N, C-alpha and C. Protein backbone atom coordinates (compact mmCIF):
# COMPACT_ATOMS: atom_id res chain seq x y z
N UNK A 1 -169.13 -128.73 -19.96
CA UNK A 1 -169.41 -127.63 -21.05
C UNK A 1 -170.26 -128.09 -21.74
N UNK A 2 -171.22 -127.44 -22.18
CA UNK A 2 -172.15 -127.70 -23.73
C UNK A 2 -171.65 -127.49 -24.96
N UNK A 3 -172.07 -127.78 -25.87
CA UNK A 3 -171.43 -127.55 -27.17
C UNK A 3 -172.23 -126.04 -27.54
N UNK A 4 -173.35 -125.52 -27.04
CA UNK A 4 -173.29 -124.34 -27.34
C UNK A 4 -172.91 -123.28 -26.60
N UNK A 5 -172.68 -123.32 -25.49
CA UNK A 5 -171.73 -122.36 -24.69
C UNK A 5 -170.14 -122.39 -25.18
N UNK A 6 -169.74 -123.82 -25.90
CA UNK A 6 -168.87 -123.49 -26.20
C UNK A 6 -168.28 -122.81 -27.71
N UNK A 7 -169.22 -123.05 -28.97
CA UNK A 7 -169.71 -122.42 -29.34
C UNK A 7 -169.34 -121.15 -29.15
N UNK A 8 -170.17 -120.30 -28.62
CA UNK A 8 -170.42 -119.10 -27.97
C UNK A 8 -169.23 -118.01 -27.45
N UNK A 9 -168.49 -119.28 -26.59
CA UNK A 9 -167.13 -118.97 -26.40
C UNK A 9 -165.85 -118.58 -27.28
N UNK A 10 -166.22 -119.50 -28.54
CA UNK A 10 -165.51 -119.62 -29.48
C UNK A 10 -165.47 -118.08 -30.43
N UNK A 11 -166.94 -117.77 -30.58
CA UNK A 11 -167.20 -116.69 -31.41
C UNK A 11 -166.63 -115.41 -30.76
N UNK A 12 -167.15 -115.22 -29.35
CA UNK A 12 -166.77 -114.03 -28.38
C UNK A 12 -165.03 -114.40 -28.86
N UNK A 13 -164.33 -115.29 -28.22
CA UNK A 13 -163.09 -115.26 -28.51
C UNK A 13 -162.29 -114.49 -30.00
N UNK A 14 -163.27 -115.08 -30.91
CA UNK A 14 -163.11 -114.85 -32.29
C UNK A 14 -163.31 -113.05 -32.57
N UNK A 15 -164.40 -112.79 -32.38
CA UNK A 15 -165.02 -111.57 -32.31
C UNK A 15 -163.75 -110.21 -31.37
N UNK A 16 -163.42 -110.70 -29.99
CA UNK A 16 -162.63 -110.22 -29.58
C UNK A 16 -160.98 -109.94 -30.39
N UNK A 17 -160.52 -111.32 -30.90
CA UNK A 17 -159.34 -111.47 -31.55
C UNK A 17 -159.59 -110.38 -32.73
N UNK A 18 -160.33 -110.21 -33.71
CA UNK A 18 -160.66 -109.29 -34.68
C UNK A 18 -160.51 -108.19 -34.67
N UNK A 19 -161.17 -107.89 -33.44
CA UNK A 19 -161.43 -106.23 -32.90
C UNK A 19 -159.92 -105.82 -32.33
N UNK A 20 -158.94 -106.39 -31.71
CA UNK A 20 -157.50 -106.19 -31.49
C UNK A 20 -156.75 -105.81 -32.60
N UNK A 21 -156.71 -106.79 -33.20
CA UNK A 21 -155.82 -106.73 -34.69
C UNK A 21 -156.33 -105.76 -35.41
N UNK A 22 -157.70 -105.43 -35.51
CA UNK A 22 -157.90 -104.07 -36.56
C UNK A 22 -157.50 -102.72 -35.25
N UNK A 23 -157.55 -102.99 -34.43
CA UNK A 23 -156.97 -101.59 -33.35
C UNK A 23 -155.72 -101.98 -33.96
N UNK A 24 -154.72 -102.54 -33.67
CA UNK A 24 -153.43 -102.53 -34.04
C UNK A 24 -153.33 -102.32 -35.44
N UNK A 25 -153.90 -102.63 -36.38
CA UNK A 25 -153.79 -102.29 -37.62
C UNK A 25 -153.88 -100.75 -38.01
N UNK A 26 -154.90 -100.36 -37.31
CA UNK A 26 -154.99 -98.60 -36.76
C UNK A 26 -154.15 -97.85 -36.67
N UNK A 27 -153.51 -98.34 -35.40
CA UNK A 27 -152.20 -97.74 -34.70
C UNK A 27 -151.32 -97.56 -35.21
N UNK A 28 -150.83 -98.63 -36.31
CA UNK A 28 -149.81 -98.90 -36.93
C UNK A 28 -149.72 -98.09 -38.75
N UNK A 29 -151.17 -97.72 -39.01
CA UNK A 29 -151.77 -96.82 -39.89
C UNK A 29 -151.29 -95.33 -39.73
N UNK A 30 -151.84 -95.35 -38.36
CA UNK A 30 -151.63 -94.11 -37.67
C UNK A 30 -150.25 -93.61 -37.43
N UNK A 31 -149.66 -94.37 -36.71
CA UNK A 31 -148.28 -93.92 -37.06
C UNK A 31 -147.24 -94.25 -38.10
N UNK A 32 -147.55 -94.74 -39.31
CA UNK A 32 -146.66 -94.55 -40.60
C UNK A 32 -147.40 -93.04 -41.02
N UNK A 33 -148.46 -93.10 -40.73
CA UNK A 33 -149.09 -91.34 -41.78
C UNK A 33 -147.90 -90.48 -40.68
N UNK A 34 -148.14 -90.47 -39.47
CA UNK A 34 -147.21 -89.63 -38.96
C UNK A 34 -145.54 -89.41 -38.95
N UNK A 35 -145.09 -90.39 -39.19
CA UNK A 35 -143.99 -90.69 -40.06
C UNK A 35 -143.41 -90.25 -41.03
N UNK A 36 -144.86 -90.14 -41.82
CA UNK A 36 -144.31 -89.72 -43.44
C UNK A 36 -144.60 -88.60 -43.37
N UNK A 37 -145.37 -87.48 -42.81
CA UNK A 37 -145.73 -86.30 -42.65
C UNK A 37 -143.82 -85.52 -41.64
N UNK A 38 -143.80 -85.92 -40.96
CA UNK A 38 -142.75 -85.56 -40.29
C UNK A 38 -141.35 -85.56 -41.09
N UNK A 39 -141.04 -86.81 -41.70
CA UNK A 39 -140.25 -86.90 -42.82
C UNK A 39 -139.84 -85.99 -43.93
N UNK A 40 -141.39 -85.72 -44.31
CA UNK A 40 -141.75 -84.74 -45.64
C UNK A 40 -141.37 -83.24 -44.97
N UNK A 41 -141.56 -82.88 -43.73
CA UNK A 41 -141.36 -81.54 -43.06
C UNK A 41 -140.26 -81.50 -42.70
N UNK A 42 -139.46 -82.48 -42.35
CA UNK A 42 -137.77 -82.09 -42.10
C UNK A 42 -137.38 -82.34 -43.38
N UNK A 43 -137.32 -83.13 -44.60
CA UNK A 43 -136.61 -82.77 -45.73
C UNK A 43 -137.09 -81.53 -46.60
N UNK A 44 -138.70 -81.03 -46.57
CA UNK A 44 -139.29 -79.91 -47.07
C UNK A 44 -138.07 -78.51 -46.51
N UNK A 45 -137.89 -79.03 -45.12
CA UNK A 45 -137.37 -77.19 -44.72
C UNK A 45 -135.79 -77.56 -44.82
N UNK A 46 -135.22 -78.58 -44.57
CA UNK A 46 -133.89 -78.68 -45.37
C UNK A 46 -133.49 -78.12 -46.96
N UNK A 47 -134.33 -78.80 -47.37
CA UNK A 47 -133.99 -78.27 -49.02
C UNK A 47 -134.02 -76.50 -49.11
N UNK A 48 -135.35 -75.87 -48.51
CA UNK A 48 -135.34 -74.97 -48.53
C UNK A 48 -134.57 -74.17 -47.78
N UNK A 49 -134.21 -74.39 -47.04
CA UNK A 49 -133.11 -73.69 -45.95
C UNK A 49 -131.56 -73.72 -46.96
N UNK A 50 -131.52 -74.63 -47.58
CA UNK A 50 -130.33 -75.11 -48.50
C UNK A 50 -130.56 -74.12 -49.83
N UNK A 51 -131.38 -74.40 -50.38
CA UNK A 51 -131.71 -73.45 -51.59
C UNK A 51 -132.12 -72.14 -51.84
N UNK A 52 -132.92 -71.69 -50.54
CA UNK A 52 -133.51 -71.02 -50.37
C UNK A 52 -134.72 -70.33 -51.36
N UNK A 53 -135.63 -71.78 -52.17
CA UNK A 53 -136.15 -71.65 -53.04
C UNK A 53 -137.92 -72.35 -52.21
N UNK A 54 -138.80 -71.32 -51.88
CA UNK A 54 -139.74 -71.47 -50.99
C UNK A 54 -140.88 -72.74 -52.38
N UNK A 55 -141.08 -72.12 -53.49
CA UNK A 55 -142.01 -73.03 -54.05
C UNK A 55 -141.64 -74.28 -54.19
N UNK A 56 -140.21 -74.36 -54.88
CA UNK A 56 -139.36 -76.06 -54.56
C UNK A 56 -139.63 -76.58 -53.13
N UNK A 57 -139.47 -75.69 -52.48
CA UNK A 57 -139.97 -76.63 -50.99
C UNK A 57 -141.24 -76.96 -50.60
N UNK A 58 -142.05 -76.22 -51.02
CA UNK A 58 -143.70 -76.44 -51.34
C UNK A 58 -143.60 -77.72 -52.03
N UNK A 59 -143.42 -78.07 -53.30
CA UNK A 59 -143.42 -79.01 -54.42
C UNK A 59 -142.87 -80.03 -53.50
N UNK A 60 -141.68 -79.79 -53.08
CA UNK A 60 -140.89 -81.17 -52.42
C UNK A 60 -141.87 -81.65 -51.38
N UNK A 61 -142.25 -80.64 -50.40
CA UNK A 61 -143.19 -81.25 -49.38
C UNK A 61 -144.48 -81.86 -49.97
N UNK A 62 -145.25 -81.67 -50.97
CA UNK A 62 -146.56 -81.97 -51.60
C UNK A 62 -146.14 -83.05 -52.29
N UNK A 63 -145.32 -83.46 -52.60
CA UNK A 63 -144.35 -84.71 -53.25
C UNK A 63 -144.28 -86.16 -52.04
N UNK A 64 -143.45 -85.06 -51.35
CA UNK A 64 -143.29 -86.54 -50.20
C UNK A 64 -144.85 -86.83 -48.90
N UNK A 65 -145.75 -85.84 -49.21
CA UNK A 65 -146.51 -86.26 -48.50
C UNK A 65 -147.60 -85.87 -49.38
N UNK A 66 -148.19 -86.70 -50.33
CA UNK A 66 -149.15 -86.26 -51.02
C UNK A 66 -150.58 -86.54 -50.79
N UNK A 67 -151.00 -86.97 -49.51
CA UNK A 67 -152.58 -86.55 -49.00
C UNK A 67 -152.49 -85.85 -48.25
N UNK A 68 -151.63 -84.80 -47.85
CA UNK A 68 -151.75 -84.09 -46.66
C UNK A 68 -152.56 -83.34 -47.17
N UNK A 69 -153.25 -82.72 -46.02
CA UNK A 69 -154.15 -81.63 -46.05
C UNK A 69 -153.82 -80.14 -46.36
N UNK A 70 -152.86 -80.18 -45.67
CA UNK A 70 -152.47 -78.24 -45.60
C UNK A 70 -150.75 -78.58 -45.57
N UNK A 71 -150.24 -77.73 -46.41
CA UNK A 71 -149.04 -77.46 -46.33
C UNK A 71 -148.39 -76.06 -46.10
N UNK A 72 -147.76 -75.35 -44.81
CA UNK A 72 -147.21 -74.57 -44.52
C UNK A 72 -145.94 -74.73 -44.53
N UNK A 73 -144.86 -73.53 -45.07
CA UNK A 73 -143.72 -73.12 -45.28
C UNK A 73 -143.39 -71.53 -45.05
N UNK A 74 -142.72 -71.23 -44.17
CA UNK A 74 -142.59 -70.08 -44.00
C UNK A 74 -141.21 -69.67 -43.32
N UNK A 75 -140.60 -68.54 -43.73
CA UNK A 75 -139.34 -68.12 -43.26
C UNK A 75 -139.69 -67.56 -41.93
N UNK A 76 -138.91 -68.16 -40.85
CA UNK A 76 -139.48 -67.72 -39.60
C UNK A 76 -137.78 -66.84 -39.24
N UNK A 77 -137.49 -66.34 -37.91
CA UNK A 77 -136.20 -65.72 -37.45
C UNK A 77 -135.12 -66.98 -37.09
N UNK A 78 -135.95 -67.74 -36.85
CA UNK A 78 -134.74 -68.97 -36.55
C UNK A 78 -134.06 -69.75 -38.00
N UNK A 79 -134.98 -69.45 -39.00
CA UNK A 79 -134.57 -70.16 -40.70
C UNK A 79 -135.96 -70.60 -41.21
N UNK A 80 -135.86 -71.68 -41.46
CA UNK A 80 -137.16 -72.16 -42.53
C UNK A 80 -138.20 -73.34 -41.40
N UNK A 81 -139.25 -73.01 -41.34
CA UNK A 81 -140.37 -73.54 -40.76
C UNK A 81 -141.54 -74.27 -41.81
N UNK A 82 -141.81 -75.58 -42.10
CA UNK A 82 -142.65 -76.41 -42.49
C UNK A 82 -143.60 -77.09 -41.53
N UNK A 83 -144.98 -76.97 -41.60
CA UNK A 83 -145.68 -78.03 -41.47
C UNK A 83 -146.71 -78.34 -41.81
N UNK A 84 -146.56 -79.53 -42.02
CA UNK A 84 -147.94 -80.52 -42.67
C UNK A 84 -148.94 -81.34 -41.88
N UNK A 85 -150.18 -81.56 -42.18
CA UNK A 85 -151.17 -81.77 -41.49
C UNK A 85 -151.81 -82.49 -42.66
N UNK A 86 -152.22 -83.45 -41.89
CA UNK A 86 -153.02 -84.69 -42.52
C UNK A 86 -153.89 -85.21 -42.02
N UNK A 87 -155.22 -85.77 -41.98
CA UNK A 87 -156.27 -86.63 -41.22
C UNK A 87 -156.14 -87.60 -42.22
N UNK A 88 -156.02 -89.03 -40.88
CA UNK A 88 -155.96 -90.28 -41.36
C UNK A 88 -157.36 -90.56 -40.94
N UNK A 89 -158.14 -91.33 -42.10
CA UNK A 89 -159.36 -92.21 -41.40
C UNK A 89 -159.19 -93.87 -41.26
N UNK A 90 -159.84 -93.78 -40.42
CA UNK A 90 -159.35 -95.25 -39.48
C UNK A 90 -160.58 -95.75 -39.28
N UNK A 91 -161.78 -95.28 -39.24
CA UNK A 91 -162.83 -96.24 -38.50
C UNK A 91 -164.25 -95.77 -39.25
N UNK A 92 -165.07 -96.48 -40.00
CA UNK A 92 -166.66 -96.14 -40.30
C UNK A 92 -166.31 -95.82 -41.77
N UNK A 93 -167.81 -95.91 -42.25
CA UNK A 93 -167.48 -95.58 -43.74
C UNK A 93 -167.31 -94.30 -43.74
N UNK A 94 -166.98 -93.82 -45.22
CA UNK A 94 -166.16 -92.51 -44.96
C UNK A 94 -165.09 -92.06 -44.15
N UNK A 95 -164.60 -92.76 -43.00
CA UNK A 95 -163.63 -92.56 -42.38
C UNK A 95 -164.09 -91.45 -41.35
N UNK A 96 -165.24 -91.59 -40.85
CA UNK A 96 -165.89 -90.96 -39.56
C UNK A 96 -164.94 -90.19 -38.34
N UNK A 97 -163.85 -91.35 -38.13
CA UNK A 97 -163.07 -90.98 -36.93
C UNK A 97 -161.97 -90.95 -37.92
N UNK A 98 -161.29 -90.02 -38.05
CA UNK A 98 -160.21 -89.35 -38.89
C UNK A 98 -159.08 -88.43 -37.92
N UNK A 99 -158.13 -88.98 -37.09
CA UNK A 99 -157.21 -88.55 -36.40
C UNK A 99 -156.31 -87.18 -37.18
N UNK A 100 -155.70 -86.32 -36.64
CA UNK A 100 -154.86 -85.04 -37.05
C UNK A 100 -153.65 -85.82 -36.76
N UNK A 101 -152.73 -85.76 -38.02
CA UNK A 101 -151.22 -86.09 -37.62
C UNK A 101 -150.58 -85.02 -38.40
N UNK A 102 -149.46 -84.28 -37.36
CA UNK A 102 -148.94 -83.26 -37.81
C UNK A 102 -147.54 -83.57 -37.81
N UNK A 103 -146.77 -82.92 -38.81
CA UNK A 103 -145.19 -82.76 -38.63
C UNK A 103 -144.89 -81.49 -38.71
N UNK A 104 -144.14 -80.93 -38.19
CA UNK A 104 -143.30 -80.11 -37.85
C UNK A 104 -142.04 -80.49 -37.99
N UNK A 105 -141.04 -79.18 -38.66
CA UNK A 105 -139.62 -78.89 -38.54
C UNK A 105 -139.47 -77.36 -38.90
N UNK A 106 -137.97 -77.18 -37.75
CA UNK A 106 -137.28 -75.58 -38.48
C UNK A 106 -136.13 -75.87 -38.44
N UNK A 107 -135.78 -75.76 -39.47
CA UNK A 107 -134.17 -75.68 -39.85
C UNK A 107 -133.62 -74.76 -40.23
N UNK A 108 -132.20 -74.38 -39.16
CA UNK A 108 -131.87 -72.88 -39.16
C UNK A 108 -131.22 -72.65 -40.97
N UNK A 109 -130.99 -71.23 -40.94
CA UNK A 109 -130.03 -70.56 -42.07
C UNK A 109 -129.35 -70.12 -41.40
N UNK A 110 -127.97 -70.65 -42.00
CA UNK A 110 -126.82 -69.82 -41.66
C UNK A 110 -126.57 -68.33 -42.32
N UNK A 111 -126.41 -67.60 -41.02
CA UNK A 111 -126.04 -66.25 -41.98
C UNK A 111 -124.86 -65.63 -43.10
N UNK A 112 -123.87 -66.76 -42.60
CA UNK A 112 -122.60 -67.15 -43.50
C UNK A 112 -122.68 -67.98 -44.51
N UNK A 113 -124.04 -68.55 -45.34
CA UNK A 113 -123.80 -69.65 -46.06
C UNK A 113 -123.10 -68.79 -47.54
N UNK A 114 -122.32 -70.20 -47.88
CA UNK A 114 -122.08 -69.56 -49.23
C UNK A 114 -122.83 -69.24 -50.26
N UNK A 115 -122.75 -68.55 -51.14
CA UNK A 115 -123.18 -68.26 -52.53
C UNK A 115 -123.14 -68.68 -53.52
N UNK A 116 -122.04 -69.88 -53.16
CA UNK A 116 -121.77 -70.41 -54.59
C UNK A 116 -122.77 -72.18 -54.94
N UNK A 117 -122.71 -71.94 -55.98
CA UNK A 117 -123.57 -73.01 -56.26
C UNK A 117 -122.62 -74.72 -56.61
C-alpha cells in the first residue's frame, strides 16, 4: 500500500467517524427535546388537574419547555389535556432540517375531589 492511498483511507475513515458522531449527537439532542416536552406536558396537566387553574398550567408548561413553538391546554371529558410542540433544528445553517417533537398528556380530574386547599 502506498502512502497516498493510506492517507486517503485515513481521511475517509476520519470523515465517516465525524459524520457518525454528528448523527449520534443529533439523535441525542432530538431525544432530549422530546423528553423535555413530554415531561412539561405531564407536569402542566397534573398541576392544572389538581388546582383547576388554566392560566397557571399554561405558565408552568411554558416555563418547563421555554423553546416550545406551541402549548395547548384544554379541559376535555377525560380531564385535562396538554399538547406541547417544538421544532428541533438539527442540520444546516438556520436549522433547515428541524423535526417536530410533540409531548402529550391527559390527566383525569376526579369529580369527587376535595374543595379544601
